[in-house]
C-alpha cells in the first residue's frame, strides 16, 4: 500500500515534480558543457533566459529548441 502524501512528509506531493527552470550549472550539465559556455550563449541571446533575483534560469524547453536548431544548422 502506498503512503498518502500527507503521511510521507510531502503534503503537496511535490517530490516527483521535475524542475522546468534550470540554473546555469544545471543547464550546463544538461547540455554537456561548462557553465561559462552557457553564460556566453545567454549573453549572445542564443538561448532565452529569465532572471530570478541575481540568478539566470533557463527553461528546459528552450534548451531542447536550441539543441534542435544546432542539429538543423549542420
N, C-alpha and C. Protein backbone atom coordinates (compact mmCIF):
# COMPACT_ATOMS: atom_id res chain seq x y z
N UNK A 1 0.84 -1.17 0.00
CA UNK A 1 0.00 0.00 0.00
C UNK A 1 0.88 1.24 0.00
N UNK A 2 0.55 2.22 -0.83
CA UNK A 2 1.33 3.43 -0.96
C UNK A 2 0.89 4.44 0.09
N UNK A 3 1.87 5.13 0.69
CA UNK A 3 1.55 6.13 1.71
C UNK A 3 0.98 7.38 1.04
N UNK A 4 0.05 8.02 1.71
CA UNK A 4 -0.50 9.26 1.18
C UNK A 4 0.55 10.36 1.32
N UNK A 5 0.48 11.40 0.47
CA UNK A 5 1.47 12.46 0.55
C UNK A 5 1.56 13.11 1.92
N UNK A 6 0.44 13.26 2.62
CA UNK A 6 0.45 13.90 3.93
C UNK A 6 1.24 13.06 4.94
N UNK A 7 1.17 11.74 4.83
CA UNK A 7 1.86 10.88 5.77
C UNK A 7 3.33 10.70 5.42
N UNK A 8 3.70 10.94 4.17
CA UNK A 8 5.08 10.71 3.76
C UNK A 8 5.97 11.93 3.99
N UNK A 9 5.44 13.02 4.55
CA UNK A 9 6.23 14.20 4.80
C UNK A 9 6.25 15.16 3.62
N UNK A 10 5.47 14.88 2.58
CA UNK A 10 5.38 15.73 1.40
C UNK A 10 3.91 16.08 1.19
N UNK A 11 3.39 17.07 1.93
CA UNK A 11 1.96 17.34 1.90
C UNK A 11 1.42 17.77 0.55
N UNK A 12 2.23 18.34 -0.30
CA UNK A 12 1.74 18.80 -1.60
C UNK A 12 2.03 17.80 -2.71
N UNK A 13 2.69 16.70 -2.40
CA UNK A 13 3.02 15.71 -3.42
C UNK A 13 4.03 16.24 -4.44
N UNK A 14 4.95 17.08 -4.02
CA UNK A 14 5.89 17.73 -4.93
C UNK A 14 7.17 16.93 -5.17
N UNK A 15 7.37 15.84 -4.48
CA UNK A 15 8.63 15.10 -4.57
C UNK A 15 8.90 14.59 -5.98
N UNK A 16 7.86 14.29 -6.75
CA UNK A 16 8.07 13.69 -8.06
C UNK A 16 8.07 14.71 -9.20
N UNK A 17 7.94 16.00 -8.89
CA UNK A 17 7.91 17.03 -9.93
C UNK A 17 9.32 17.35 -10.38
N UNK A 18 9.54 17.34 -11.70
CA UNK A 18 10.84 17.70 -12.27
C UNK A 18 10.86 19.20 -12.53
N UNK A 19 11.96 19.87 -12.20
CA UNK A 19 12.00 21.31 -12.44
C UNK A 19 12.04 21.63 -13.93
N UNK A 20 11.32 22.66 -14.34
CA UNK A 20 11.32 23.10 -15.73
C UNK A 20 12.38 24.17 -15.95
N UNK A 21 12.60 25.00 -14.91
CA UNK A 21 13.61 26.05 -15.00
C UNK A 21 14.90 25.56 -14.36
N UNK A 22 15.98 25.70 -15.10
CA UNK A 22 17.28 25.22 -14.63
C UNK A 22 18.22 26.39 -14.40
N UNK A 23 19.04 26.28 -13.35
CA UNK A 23 20.09 27.26 -13.13
C UNK A 23 21.20 27.03 -14.16
N UNK A 24 22.12 27.96 -14.26
CA UNK A 24 23.19 27.88 -15.26
C UNK A 24 23.97 26.58 -15.12
N UNK A 25 24.32 26.19 -13.91
CA UNK A 25 25.09 24.96 -13.72
C UNK A 25 24.29 23.73 -14.14
N UNK A 26 22.98 23.74 -13.87
CA UNK A 26 22.14 22.62 -14.28
C UNK A 26 21.99 22.60 -15.80
N UNK A 27 21.84 23.77 -16.42
CA UNK A 27 21.74 23.85 -17.88
C UNK A 27 23.02 23.36 -18.53
N UNK A 28 24.15 23.69 -17.92
CA UNK A 28 25.44 23.24 -18.44
C UNK A 28 25.53 21.71 -18.39
N UNK A 29 25.09 21.13 -17.29
CA UNK A 29 25.11 19.67 -17.19
C UNK A 29 24.17 19.06 -18.22
N UNK A 30 23.02 19.67 -18.44
CA UNK A 30 22.04 19.19 -19.43
C UNK A 30 22.63 19.21 -20.83
N UNK A 31 23.38 20.29 -21.15
CA UNK A 31 23.97 20.42 -22.49
C UNK A 31 25.32 19.72 -22.61
N UNK A 32 25.92 19.38 -21.47
CA UNK A 32 27.23 18.73 -21.50
C UNK A 32 28.35 19.71 -21.79
N UNK A 33 28.24 20.92 -21.25
CA UNK A 33 29.28 21.93 -21.45
C UNK A 33 29.53 22.64 -20.13
N UNK A 34 30.37 23.65 -20.15
CA UNK A 34 30.70 24.38 -18.92
C UNK A 34 29.66 25.46 -18.63
N UNK A 35 29.55 25.86 -17.38
CA UNK A 35 28.66 26.97 -17.05
C UNK A 35 29.03 28.26 -17.79
N UNK A 36 30.32 28.50 -18.00
CA UNK A 36 30.73 29.70 -18.72
C UNK A 36 30.25 29.68 -20.16
N UNK A 37 30.23 28.52 -20.78
CA UNK A 37 29.72 28.42 -22.15
C UNK A 37 28.23 28.74 -22.18
N UNK A 38 27.49 28.26 -21.20
CA UNK A 38 26.05 28.57 -21.12
C UNK A 38 25.86 30.07 -20.94
N UNK A 39 26.66 30.69 -20.06
CA UNK A 39 26.54 32.14 -19.87
C UNK A 39 26.81 32.89 -21.17
N UNK A 40 27.81 32.46 -21.92
CA UNK A 40 28.10 33.11 -23.21
C UNK A 40 26.91 32.97 -24.16
N UNK A 41 26.27 31.80 -24.17
CA UNK A 41 25.09 31.61 -25.01
C UNK A 41 23.94 32.52 -24.57
N UNK A 42 23.79 32.71 -23.27
CA UNK A 42 22.75 33.60 -22.76
C UNK A 42 23.03 35.05 -23.14
N UNK A 43 24.28 35.48 -22.93
CA UNK A 43 24.65 36.86 -23.25
C UNK A 43 24.53 37.15 -24.75
N UNK A 44 24.79 36.11 -25.57
CA UNK A 44 24.67 36.27 -27.03
C UNK A 44 23.22 36.13 -27.49
N UNK A 45 22.31 35.89 -26.54
CA UNK A 45 20.87 35.74 -26.81
C UNK A 45 20.56 34.55 -27.72
N UNK A 46 21.40 33.52 -27.63
CA UNK A 46 21.12 32.29 -28.38
C UNK A 46 20.14 31.40 -27.64
N UNK A 47 20.03 31.58 -26.33
CA UNK A 47 19.09 30.84 -25.51
C UNK A 47 18.34 31.87 -24.65
N UNK A 48 17.00 31.88 -24.69
CA UNK A 48 16.24 32.79 -23.83
C UNK A 48 16.44 32.43 -22.35
N UNK A 49 16.34 33.43 -21.50
CA UNK A 49 16.51 33.20 -20.06
C UNK A 49 15.63 34.13 -19.27
N UNK A 50 15.49 33.81 -18.00
CA UNK A 50 14.78 34.65 -17.03
C UNK A 50 15.78 35.03 -15.95
N UNK A 51 15.51 36.14 -15.30
CA UNK A 51 16.31 36.50 -14.13
C UNK A 51 15.42 36.37 -12.91
N UNK A 52 15.85 35.57 -11.97
CA UNK A 52 15.16 35.44 -10.68
C UNK A 52 16.13 36.00 -9.65
N UNK A 53 15.91 37.25 -9.28
CA UNK A 53 16.87 37.91 -8.41
C UNK A 53 18.15 38.13 -9.20
N UNK A 54 19.25 37.62 -8.70
CA UNK A 54 20.54 37.74 -9.39
C UNK A 54 20.84 36.53 -10.25
N UNK A 55 19.99 35.53 -10.19
CA UNK A 55 20.25 34.27 -10.91
C UNK A 55 19.61 34.27 -12.29
N UNK A 56 20.34 33.66 -13.22
CA UNK A 56 19.79 33.38 -14.54
C UNK A 56 19.19 31.98 -14.47
N UNK A 57 18.00 31.81 -15.03
CA UNK A 57 17.41 30.48 -15.16
C UNK A 57 16.97 30.29 -16.60
N UNK A 58 17.01 29.04 -17.03
CA UNK A 58 16.72 28.70 -18.41
C UNK A 58 15.62 27.65 -18.43
N UNK A 59 14.66 27.83 -19.31
CA UNK A 59 13.58 26.87 -19.48
C UNK A 59 14.14 25.66 -20.23
N UNK A 60 13.88 24.48 -19.71
CA UNK A 60 14.38 23.26 -20.34
C UNK A 60 13.88 23.14 -21.79
N UNK A 61 12.68 23.63 -22.06
CA UNK A 61 12.14 23.57 -23.42
C UNK A 61 12.97 24.43 -24.38
N UNK A 62 13.48 25.57 -23.88
CA UNK A 62 14.34 26.41 -24.70
C UNK A 62 15.68 25.73 -24.98
N UNK A 63 16.17 24.95 -24.02
CA UNK A 63 17.40 24.19 -24.26
C UNK A 63 17.17 23.14 -25.33
N UNK A 64 16.02 22.47 -25.28
CA UNK A 64 15.70 21.48 -26.30
C UNK A 64 15.58 22.13 -27.67
N UNK A 65 14.97 23.33 -27.74
CA UNK A 65 14.85 24.05 -29.01
C UNK A 65 16.23 24.46 -29.52
N UNK A 66 17.12 24.87 -28.62
CA UNK A 66 18.49 25.24 -29.01
C UNK A 66 19.20 24.03 -29.60
N UNK A 67 19.06 22.88 -28.97
CA UNK A 67 19.69 21.65 -29.48
C UNK A 67 19.15 21.33 -30.87
N UNK A 68 17.84 21.44 -31.06
CA UNK A 68 17.24 21.16 -32.36
C UNK A 68 17.76 22.11 -33.43
N UNK A 69 17.90 23.41 -33.08
CA UNK A 69 18.44 24.38 -34.05
C UNK A 69 19.86 24.05 -34.43
N UNK A 70 20.65 23.61 -33.46
CA UNK A 70 22.04 23.27 -33.75
C UNK A 70 22.12 22.07 -34.69
N UNK A 71 21.21 21.13 -34.54
CA UNK A 71 21.18 19.96 -35.43
C UNK A 71 20.79 20.37 -36.84
N UNK A 72 19.84 21.31 -36.96
CA UNK A 72 19.38 21.75 -38.26
C UNK A 72 20.46 22.54 -39.00
N UNK A 73 21.35 23.20 -38.28
CA UNK A 73 22.38 24.02 -38.89
C UNK A 73 23.56 23.19 -39.39
N UNK A 74 23.56 21.92 -39.18
CA UNK A 74 24.68 21.07 -39.61
C UNK A 74 24.50 20.60 -41.02
